[in-house]
Amino acid sequence: MAGIKMIIGLGNPGKAYEGTRHNIGFDVVDAVAARLDATVRQKKFNSLLGEARWQDLRVLLLKPQQFMNLSGQAVATAAGFYKMDAADLMVVADDMALPAGQIRMRPGGGSGGHNGLRDIIGRLGSDQFARLRVGIGSPEFGDAADFVLSRPNAAQQAALDAAKKKAQEALLCWLTDGLDTAMNRYNAKEAVSNGRKAITENKPNNGSDPESEPTKPSM
């Protein structure tokens, strides 16, 4: 639908999961809400919902309040209520396959093993929605589920804070100038070669690159 966009942040509900790596999708949505002078508090669609205006767009901000692997129900219900196409959605999720602090936008594709994205694809019946993946790094040792459900140390938190700011800017660019411009501008990453930093471009691919696989927390 012209004139309306939805940004969906993925995470797990409840105080126990606030500030964990897995909840960075929620954190990015909160950062966008702060920039747009909005709040994400209305309880609707099994989610917390906020609404804002950005230029001539109506912007919906959604934080599903079911566990990560059940996110699709809330997204599909909200999209159906507002009669939105998949192309009007942007899903923000954590990704262990990207270094902490790096972000990457893509126009669509498979879930890459990410249970939240998989459920959304299944519920929408389409994978043609944009997604912004925020790198959280991966554990050197130990269990991946414990890693994503834990809180970062100070150095890692600084990288994630920088990523949240960059993600916020990228999402506003998407709203203003479209996905291609946002990808070209914000998918650049720093690569270290022979001790020197070089800028390389992360170009969209065929959807085969890996994404982190979130795990439903035990109750």
Protein backbone atom coordinates (compact mmCIF):
# COMPACT_ATOMS: atom_id res chain seq x y z
CA MET A 1 0.00 0.00 0.00
CA ALA A 2 1.39 3.39 -0.98
CA GLY A 3 2.11 5.75 1.89
CA ILE A 4 2.52 3.14 4.63
CA LYS A 5 5.51 1.07 5.77
CA MET A 6 6.07 -1.27 8.68
CA ILE A 7 9.31 -1.91 10.56
CA ILE A 8 9.26 -5.11 12.61
CA GLY A 9 11.87 -5.80 15.26
CA LEU A 10 12.37 -9.41 16.35
CA GLY A 11 13.09 -10.37 19.94
CA ASN A 12 11.77 -12.27 22.93
CA PRO A 13 9.27 -10.65 25.30
CA GLY A 14 9.79 -10.05 29.00
CA LYS A 15 12.26 -8.39 31.33
CA ALA A 16 14.49 -11.47 31.43
CA TYR A 17 15.49 -10.95 27.78
CA GLU A 18 15.95 -7.18 27.74
CA GLY A 19 19.44 -6.21 26.64
CA THR A 20 20.30 -9.64 25.26
CA ARG A 21 21.91 -10.04 21.87
CA HIS A 22 18.80 -11.79 20.55
CA ASN A 23 16.68 -8.72 21.26
CA ILE A 24 18.59 -6.26 19.15
CA GLY A 25 15.66 -6.11 16.72
CA PHE A 26 13.54 -4.68 19.52
CA ASP A 27 16.32 -2.24 20.39
CA VAL A 28 16.59 -0.96 16.81
CA VAL A 29 12.84 -0.39 16.62
CA ASP A 30 13.03 1.56 19.88
CA ALA A 31 15.86 3.66 18.42
CA VAL A 32 13.77 4.47 15.35
CA ALA A 33 10.78 5.30 17.56
CA ALA A 34 12.90 7.73 19.57
CA ARG A 35 14.10 9.41 16.37
CA LEU A 36 10.51 9.74 15.14
CA ASP A 37 9.22 10.91 18.55
CA ALA A 38 6.97 7.86 18.81
CA THR A 39 6.29 5.22 21.46
CA VAL A 40 5.84 1.49 20.91
CA ARG A 41 3.36 0.66 23.64
CA GLN A 42 -0.06 -0.09 22.16
CA LYS A 43 -0.99 -3.74 22.67
CA LYS A 44 -2.34 -5.06 19.40
CA PHE A 45 -1.78 -8.10 17.15
CA ASN A 46 -0.02 -9.94 20.01
CA SER A 47 2.57 -7.18 19.74
CA LEU A 48 3.58 -3.78 20.96
CA LEU A 49 2.69 -1.28 18.24
CA GLY A 50 3.70 2.30 17.59
CA GLU A 51 2.90 4.73 14.82
CA ALA A 52 4.73 7.76 13.46
CA ARG A 53 4.97 10.01 10.43
CA TRP A 54 8.10 10.36 8.37
CA GLN A 55 7.76 12.91 5.56
CA ASP A 56 4.63 11.73 3.70
CA LEU A 57 4.74 8.18 5.05
CA ARG A 58 2.74 6.52 7.78
CA VAL A 59 5.25 4.34 9.65
CA LEU A 60 4.17 1.42 11.83
CA LEU A 61 6.62 0.02 14.39
CA LEU A 62 5.97 -3.53 15.57
CA LYS A 63 7.54 -5.67 18.31
CA PRO A 64 5.89 -9.12 18.36
CA GLN A 65 5.34 -10.33 21.92
CA GLN A 66 5.57 -14.04 21.21
CA PHE A 67 8.82 -15.94 21.20
CA MET A 68 11.11 -15.50 18.22
CA ASN A 69 10.06 -18.64 16.38
CA LEU A 70 6.39 -17.57 16.54
CA SER A 71 6.87 -14.03 15.22
CA GLY A 72 5.06 -14.66 11.95
CA GLN A 73 1.55 -14.69 13.37
CA ALA A 74 1.81 -11.12 14.64
CA VAL A 75 3.43 -9.88 11.43
CA ALA A 76 0.88 -11.53 9.16
CA THR A 77 -2.05 -10.32 11.26
CA ALA A 78 -0.81 -6.72 11.32
CA ALA A 79 0.03 -6.72 7.59
CA GLY A 80 -3.40 -8.16 6.79
CA PHE A 81 -5.20 -5.61 8.97
CA TYR A 82 -3.50 -2.69 7.21
CA LYS A 83 -3.72 -4.39 3.79
CA MET A 84 0.03 -4.17 3.30
CA ASP A 85 2.10 -6.01 0.73
CA ALA A 86 5.23 -7.91 1.76
CA ALA A 87 7.29 -5.29 -0.10
CA ASP A 88 6.14 -2.67 2.44
CA LEU A 89 7.68 -4.56 5.37
CA MET A 90 11.17 -4.40 6.87
CA VAL A 91 12.17 -7.01 9.46
CA VAL A 92 15.11 -6.33 11.80
CA ALA A 93 16.83 -9.39 13.26
CA ASP A 94 20.07 -10.40 14.94
CA ASP A 95 22.66 -12.38 13.00
CA MET A 96 25.55 -14.44 14.37
CA ALA A 97 27.03 -14.80 10.86
CA LEU A 98 27.94 -11.09 10.80
CA PRO A 99 30.61 -9.54 13.04
CA ALA A 100 29.27 -7.57 15.99
CA GLY A 101 28.42 -4.06 14.86
CA GLN A 102 27.99 -4.78 11.15
CA ILE A 103 24.61 -4.47 9.42
CA ARG A 104 23.31 -5.74 6.12
CA MET A 105 20.08 -5.09 4.24
CA ARG A 106 18.57 -7.48 1.74
CA PRO A 107 15.45 -7.24 -0.45
CA GLY A 108 14.16 -10.73 0.30
CA GLY A 109 15.14 -14.37 0.07
CA GLY A 110 15.10 -17.41 2.31
CA SER A 111 15.36 -17.54 6.07
CA GLY A 112 19.00 -18.64 6.10
CA GLY A 113 18.17 -20.78 9.14
CA HIS A 114 16.69 -17.91 11.15
CA ASN A 115 13.59 -19.24 12.89
CA GLY A 116 11.92 -15.84 13.20
CA LEU A 117 12.31 -15.13 9.50
CA ARG A 118 11.23 -18.67 8.66
CA ASP A 119 7.99 -18.25 10.59
CA ILE A 120 7.28 -14.89 8.98
CA ILE A 121 7.86 -16.34 5.51
CA GLY A 122 5.52 -19.22 6.28
CA ARG A 123 2.77 -17.01 7.68
CA LEU A 124 2.98 -14.44 4.89
CA GLY A 125 3.37 -17.05 2.17
CA SER A 126 6.15 -14.89 0.72
CA ASP A 127 9.83 -14.19 1.26
CA GLN A 128 9.68 -10.91 -0.66
CA PHE A 129 10.01 -8.61 2.32
CA ALA A 130 13.13 -6.64 3.15
CA ARG A 131 15.23 -7.48 6.15
CA LEU A 132 17.97 -5.70 8.05
CA ARG A 133 20.34 -8.07 9.81
CA VAL A 134 22.41 -6.75 12.70
CA GLY A 135 25.62 -8.63 13.41
CA ILE A 136 26.06 -9.85 16.97
CA GLY A 137 29.13 -12.00 16.36
CA SER A 138 29.42 -15.62 17.41
CA PRO A 139 30.76 -17.40 20.49
CA GLU A 140 34.34 -18.61 20.47
CA PHE A 141 33.29 -21.39 22.79
CA GLY A 142 30.03 -22.64 24.19
CA ASP A 143 26.44 -22.97 23.06
CA ALA A 144 24.97 -20.64 20.44
CA ALA A 145 21.61 -20.43 22.23
CA ASP A 146 23.32 -19.37 25.47
CA PHE A 147 25.28 -16.77 23.52
CA VAL A 148 22.31 -15.09 21.83
CA LEU A 149 20.27 -15.12 25.04
CA SER A 150 23.06 -13.52 27.08
CA ARG A 151 24.14 -9.92 27.39
CA PRO A 152 27.29 -8.58 25.70
CA ASN A 153 30.33 -7.36 27.59
CA ALA A 154 31.29 -3.68 27.50
CA ALA A 155 33.35 -3.85 24.31
CA GLN A 156 30.69 -5.85 22.49
CA GLN A 157 27.98 -3.51 23.74
CA ALA A 158 29.83 -0.53 22.28
CA ALA A 159 29.88 -2.26 18.88
CA LEU A 160 26.18 -3.09 19.12
CA ASP A 161 25.31 0.46 20.16
CA ALA A 162 27.11 1.74 17.06
CA ALA A 163 25.23 -0.82 14.96
CA LYS A 164 21.88 0.31 16.37
CA LYS A 165 22.64 3.90 15.40
CA LYS A 166 23.70 2.83 11.91
CA ALA A 167 20.61 0.63 11.59
CA GLN A 168 18.40 3.53 12.60
CA GLU A 169 19.97 5.70 9.90
CA ALA A 170 19.65 2.92 7.32
CA LEU A 171 15.96 2.46 8.08
CA LEU A 172 15.24 6.15 7.73
CA CYS A 173 17.12 6.08 4.42
CA TRP A 174 14.93 3.16 3.33
CA LEU A 175 11.82 5.15 4.19
CA THR A 176 13.07 8.24 2.36
CA ASP A 177 14.98 6.97 -0.64
CA GLY A 178 14.10 3.30 -1.02
CA LEU A 179 15.84 -0.02 -0.51
CA ASP A 180 18.44 0.16 -3.29
CA THR A 181 19.80 3.47 -2.01
CA ALA A 182 19.82 2.24 1.59
CA MET A 183 21.70 -0.94 0.63
CA ASN A 184 24.25 0.95 -1.43
CA ARG A 185 24.85 3.42 1.37
CA TYR A 186 24.81 1.20 4.45
CA ASN A 187 25.87 -2.29 3.36
CA ALA A 188 29.54 -1.22 3.18
CA LYS A 189 31.83 -2.88 5.66
CA GLU A 190 35.41 -2.50 6.75
CA ALA A 191 37.74 -5.30 5.75
CA VAL A 192 41.26 -5.54 7.13
CA SER A 193 43.95 -6.48 4.62
CA ASN A 194 47.69 -6.39 5.33
CA GLY A 195 47.07 -4.28 8.39
CA ARG A 196 45.13 -1.63 6.46
CA LYS A 197 41.38 -1.02 6.44
CA ALA A 198 39.64 -1.15 3.09
CA ILE A 199 36.00 -0.51 2.32
CA THR A 200 34.18 -3.31 0.55
CA GLU A 201 30.59 -3.56 -0.57
CA ASN A 202 28.14 -6.22 0.57
CA LYS A 203 26.02 -6.78 -2.49
CA PRO A 204 22.67 -8.58 -2.30
CA ASN A 205 22.97 -12.24 -3.20
CA ASN A 206 20.62 -15.08 -3.97
CA GLY A 207 19.66 -15.62 -0.35
CA SER A 208 22.11 -18.41 0.34
CA ASP A 209 24.25 -16.67 2.95
CA PRO A 210 23.74 -17.83 6.53
CA GLU A 211 21.80 -16.07 9.23
CA SER A 212 21.74 -16.84 12.91
CA GLU A 213 19.30 -19.45 14.14
CA PRO A 214 17.43 -18.17 17.18
CA THR A 215 16.17 -20.55 19.77
CA LYS A 216 12.93 -20.36 21.72
CA PRO A 217 13.84 -19.72 25.36
CA SER A 218 12.97 -22.45 27.82
CA MET A 219 10.14 -21.53 30.13
